[in-house]
Amino acid sequence: MNKGEINPQVKELKRENMHGLGKLNETGVEKKNEDALVSQENQRIANLEKECLTHIKNQEDEVKKDEEQLRSQDLRLEKTLHDKARERYKETLKKSEEEKQREQADKDYLYPYLEKRKLLGKEVLNYNEALDIQKDVMTKLKERLLSRAAIIQKKLEEERAKLDQAEQMQQKKADPDDNEYINIQFRIDILEQRAIRFESQALLKYEEMDRKLKDDKRLSELKKK
């Protein structure tokens, strides 16, 4: 053995000797090991063997638990991927259906109203159904027109408030600048013209829609009352 090297010591022991069993002699009498030191050493080694086997069994149990946990995670992962795929499929169907509805709405101005009341596919509505659709369409149109008119009116009021403020500032100035005042007044004139034009157009749109509904074959029952 070279200097500095560490070599393991190997000692071979027979299991029957470690557990206190001796070989039978020629007369059949069991040879017993009465050496107390040898017995203690054998017992110590037997205990070490038992501890080693227990440790190995515990490690094997841990490995089995880890494998079961991994299999469980794999199942959950597969389920999650499946759920995601199913959700994507549902979203695709939903988008496709929404696109279809938009296309239908572009082609048929009554589509959203008929769909809402579950009347799609009916060629001719009865009087009450036709009346409901007429009210829905005209109410929606009126809301849109009033909303647009409110926006124009709000802008007009804001410009008028700016004009009042500009007039007050002009009165305080020794050398007033009329440019700002003129610009505000110009915007007010534009908004007032827009409001008048919108009001006349709104009345036309309302009348046109009312006539369009009455001429629609699906709402023909309205003419019979």
Protein backbone atom coordinates (compact mmCIF):
# COMPACT_ATOMS: atom_id res chain seq x y z
CA MET A 1 0.00 0.00 0.00
CA ASN A 2 1.39 3.35 -0.99
CA LYS A 3 1.77 6.14 1.49
CA GLY A 4 -1.32 8.29 1.81
CA GLU A 5 -3.67 5.73 0.29
CA ILE A 6 -6.75 4.51 2.10
CA ASN A 7 -7.82 0.98 1.41
CA PRO A 8 -10.99 -0.62 2.77
CA GLN A 9 -10.76 -3.55 5.11
CA VAL A 10 -12.83 -6.48 3.98
CA LYS A 11 -13.91 -9.18 6.36
CA GLU A 12 -15.99 -12.14 5.26
CA LEU A 13 -18.49 -13.46 7.78
CA LYS A 14 -20.78 -16.43 7.49
CA ARG A 15 -24.44 -15.74 8.20
CA GLU A 16 -24.88 -18.89 10.32
CA ASN A 17 -22.06 -17.77 12.58
CA MET A 18 -23.48 -14.22 12.84
CA HIS A 19 -26.84 -15.57 14.01
CA GLY A 20 -25.26 -18.01 16.49
CA LEU A 21 -25.56 -21.08 14.28
CA GLY A 22 -22.60 -23.41 13.95
CA LYS A 23 -21.86 -26.22 11.65
CA LEU A 24 -22.68 -29.71 12.79
CA ASN A 25 -19.66 -31.86 13.54
CA GLU A 26 -19.32 -35.45 12.56
CA THR A 27 -21.28 -36.61 15.63
CA GLY A 28 -24.14 -34.20 14.83
CA VAL A 29 -23.46 -31.99 17.85
CA GLU A 30 -23.84 -28.25 17.12
CA LYS A 31 -20.62 -26.35 17.40
CA LYS A 32 -21.30 -23.22 19.44
CA ASN A 33 -19.24 -20.10 19.46
CA GLU A 34 -18.59 -19.26 23.06
CA ASP A 35 -16.23 -16.42 22.42
CA ALA A 36 -18.03 -13.38 23.92
CA LEU A 37 -16.11 -10.88 21.77
CA VAL A 38 -16.92 -12.76 18.61
CA SER A 39 -20.59 -12.98 19.60
CA GLN A 40 -20.76 -9.25 20.28
CA GLU A 41 -19.11 -8.46 16.94
CA ASN A 42 -21.50 -10.75 15.14
CA GLN A 43 -24.45 -9.11 16.89
CA ARG A 44 -23.20 -5.62 15.98
CA ILE A 45 -22.79 -6.60 12.34
CA ALA A 46 -26.24 -8.21 12.32
CA ASN A 47 -27.73 -4.97 13.69
CA LEU A 48 -25.91 -2.97 11.02
CA GLU A 49 -27.27 -5.30 8.38
CA LYS A 50 -30.78 -4.83 9.73
CA GLU A 51 -30.39 -1.04 9.76
CA CYS A 52 -29.05 -1.14 6.22
CA LEU A 53 -31.99 -3.23 5.00
CA THR A 54 -34.44 -0.90 6.77
CA HIS A 55 -32.78 2.13 5.18
CA ILE A 56 -32.96 0.53 1.73
CA LYS A 57 -36.63 -0.31 2.23
CA ASN A 58 -37.37 3.27 3.31
CA GLN A 59 -35.61 4.62 0.23
CA GLU A 60 -37.56 2.26 -1.99
CA ASP A 61 -40.80 3.48 -0.37
CA GLU A 62 -39.79 7.10 -0.99
CA VAL A 63 -39.01 6.32 -4.62
CA LYS A 64 -42.44 4.72 -5.03
CA LYS A 65 -44.11 7.78 -3.48
CA ASP A 66 -42.16 10.10 -5.79
CA GLU A 67 -43.17 8.02 -8.82
CA GLU A 68 -46.83 8.09 -7.76
CA GLN A 69 -46.65 11.85 -7.26
CA LEU A 70 -45.07 12.35 -10.68
CA ARG A 71 -47.74 10.20 -12.31
CA SER A 72 -50.40 12.25 -10.52
CA GLN A 73 -48.81 15.50 -11.72
CA ASP A 74 -48.68 14.16 -15.26
CA LEU A 75 -52.39 13.36 -15.09
CA ARG A 76 -53.17 16.84 -13.79
CA LEU A 77 -50.98 18.38 -16.49
CA GLU A 78 -52.73 16.37 -19.20
CA LYS A 79 -56.08 17.44 -17.80
CA THR A 80 -54.98 21.08 -17.75
CA LEU A 81 -53.80 20.92 -21.35
CA HIS A 82 -57.06 19.28 -22.31
CA ASP A 83 -59.04 22.01 -20.56
CA LYS A 84 -56.99 24.71 -22.29
CA ALA A 85 -57.52 23.09 -25.66
CA ARG A 86 -61.24 22.84 -24.99
CA GLU A 87 -61.37 26.49 -23.91
CA ARG A 88 -59.55 27.57 -27.07
CA TYR A 89 -62.01 25.52 -29.10
CA LYS A 90 -64.95 27.19 -27.36
CA GLU A 91 -63.41 30.63 -27.91
CA THR A 92 -62.92 29.84 -31.58
CA LEU A 93 -66.55 28.77 -31.90
CA LYS A 94 -67.67 31.87 -30.03
CA LYS A 95 -65.63 34.17 -32.28
CA SER A 96 -66.91 32.37 -35.32
CA GLU A 97 -70.48 32.74 -34.09
CA GLU A 98 -69.94 36.43 -33.31
CA GLU A 99 -68.51 37.02 -36.77
CA LYS A 100 -71.47 35.22 -38.27
CA GLN A 101 -73.83 37.39 -36.25
CA ARG A 102 -72.04 40.55 -37.36
CA GLU A 103 -72.32 39.46 -40.97
CA GLN A 104 -76.00 38.71 -40.50
CA ALA A 105 -76.52 42.06 -38.78
CA ASP A 106 -74.82 43.84 -41.68
CA LYS A 107 -77.13 42.12 -44.13
CA ASP A 108 -80.29 42.36 -42.02
CA TYR A 109 -80.96 45.47 -39.93
CA LEU A 110 -83.54 43.55 -37.88
CA TYR A 111 -81.23 40.65 -37.03
CA PRO A 112 -80.16 41.76 -33.50
CA TYR A 113 -83.75 42.61 -32.56
CA LEU A 114 -85.17 39.35 -33.90
CA GLU A 115 -82.40 37.39 -32.19
CA LYS A 116 -83.02 39.12 -28.87
CA ARG A 117 -86.70 38.12 -28.97
CA LYS A 118 -85.92 34.67 -30.40
CA LEU A 119 -87.83 35.34 -33.61
CA LEU A 120 -85.11 34.50 -36.12
CA GLY A 121 -86.31 32.46 -39.04
CA LYS A 122 -89.93 33.58 -38.96
CA GLU A 123 -90.99 34.89 -42.34
CA VAL A 124 -93.97 36.83 -41.00
CA LEU A 125 -94.43 37.96 -37.40
CA ASN A 126 -97.80 38.23 -35.77
CA TYR A 127 -99.06 41.69 -34.82
CA ASN A 128 -97.76 41.74 -31.25
CA GLU A 129 -94.35 40.42 -32.29
CA ALA A 130 -94.11 42.95 -35.11
CA LEU A 131 -95.14 45.75 -32.75
CA ASP A 132 -92.46 44.74 -30.26
CA ILE A 133 -89.79 44.75 -32.97
CA GLN A 134 -90.96 48.14 -34.22
CA LYS A 135 -90.77 49.61 -30.71
CA ASP A 136 -87.32 48.11 -30.14
CA VAL A 137 -85.91 49.51 -33.38
CA MET A 138 -87.39 52.99 -32.97
CA THR A 139 -86.36 53.20 -29.32
CA LYS A 140 -82.79 52.23 -30.16
CA LEU A 141 -82.66 54.77 -33.00
CA LYS A 142 -84.05 57.48 -30.74
CA GLU A 143 -81.43 56.72 -28.09
CA ARG A 144 -78.60 56.98 -30.63
CA LEU A 145 -79.92 60.26 -32.01
CA LEU A 146 -80.39 61.78 -28.57
CA SER A 147 -76.92 60.64 -27.51
CA ARG A 148 -75.35 62.30 -30.56
CA ALA A 149 -77.39 65.47 -30.01
CA ALA A 150 -76.26 65.57 -26.37
CA ILE A 151 -72.61 65.42 -27.45
CA ILE A 152 -73.05 68.35 -29.84
CA GLN A 153 -74.96 70.33 -27.20
CA LYS A 154 -72.27 69.71 -24.60
CA LYS A 155 -69.52 70.95 -26.93
CA LEU A 156 -71.63 74.00 -27.77
CA GLU A 157 -72.10 74.84 -24.08
CA GLU A 158 -68.36 74.43 -23.44
CA GLU A 159 -67.52 76.85 -26.25
CA ARG A 160 -70.09 79.35 -25.02
CA ALA A 161 -68.55 79.19 -21.55
CA LYS A 162 -65.13 79.86 -23.10
CA LEU A 163 -66.64 82.80 -25.01
CA ASP A 164 -68.02 84.33 -21.81
CA GLN A 165 -64.65 83.93 -20.14
CA ALA A 166 -62.87 85.47 -23.13
CA GLU A 167 -65.23 88.46 -23.09
CA GLN A 168 -64.49 89.06 -19.41
CA MET A 169 -60.75 88.86 -20.06
CA GLN A 170 -61.06 91.28 -22.99
CA GLN A 171 -62.76 93.85 -20.79
CA LYS A 172 -59.89 93.73 -18.28
CA LYS A 173 -57.16 94.14 -20.87
CA ALA A 174 -55.94 97.61 -21.83
CA ASP A 175 -55.06 96.34 -25.31
CA PRO A 176 -57.51 93.53 -26.01
CA ASP A 177 -56.70 90.81 -28.53
CA ASP A 178 -59.74 89.89 -30.59
CA ASN A 179 -58.22 86.79 -32.22
CA GLU A 180 -59.11 84.41 -29.40
CA TYR A 181 -62.63 85.83 -29.19
CA ILE A 182 -63.09 85.49 -32.95
CA ASN A 183 -61.83 81.88 -32.94
CA ILE A 184 -64.24 80.88 -30.18
CA GLN A 185 -67.14 82.58 -31.87
CA PHE A 186 -66.27 80.78 -35.11
CA ARG A 187 -66.35 77.40 -33.37
CA ILE A 188 -69.69 78.27 -31.81
CA ASP A 189 -71.15 79.16 -35.19
CA ILE A 190 -69.93 75.84 -36.61
CA LEU A 191 -71.45 73.89 -33.70
CA GLU A 192 -74.77 75.72 -33.97
CA GLN A 193 -74.94 74.93 -37.68
CA ARG A 194 -74.06 71.32 -36.95
CA ALA A 195 -76.78 71.11 -34.29
CA ILE A 196 -79.41 72.50 -36.68
CA ARG A 197 -78.30 70.16 -39.47
CA PHE A 198 -78.26 67.18 -37.14
CA GLU A 199 -81.76 67.93 -35.88
CA SER A 200 -83.17 68.00 -39.41
CA GLN A 201 -81.25 64.84 -40.35
CA ALA A 202 -82.44 63.10 -37.20
CA LEU A 203 -86.06 63.75 -38.10
CA LEU A 204 -85.46 62.36 -41.58
CA LYS A 205 -83.75 59.25 -40.23
CA TYR A 206 -86.61 58.68 -37.81
CA GLU A 207 -89.20 58.98 -40.60
CA GLU A 208 -87.17 56.79 -42.95
CA MET A 209 -86.84 54.02 -40.37
CA ASP A 210 -90.54 54.15 -39.56
CA ARG A 211 -91.36 53.79 -43.27
CA LYS A 212 -88.78 51.01 -43.69
CA LEU A 213 -90.33 49.02 -40.87
CA LYS A 214 -93.81 49.38 -42.29
CA ASP A 215 -92.61 48.20 -45.70
CA ASP A 216 -90.80 45.17 -44.27
CA LYS A 217 -92.72 42.02 -45.20
CA ARG A 218 -91.91 40.42 -41.85
CA LEU A 219 -93.80 43.24 -40.13
CA SER A 220 -96.68 43.34 -42.59
CA GLU A 221 -99.18 42.68 -39.79
CA LEU A 222 -98.64 46.25 -38.62
CA LYS A 223 -100.53 47.54 -41.67
CA LYS A 224 -103.57 45.43 -40.83
CA LYS A 225 -104.35 47.20 -37.60
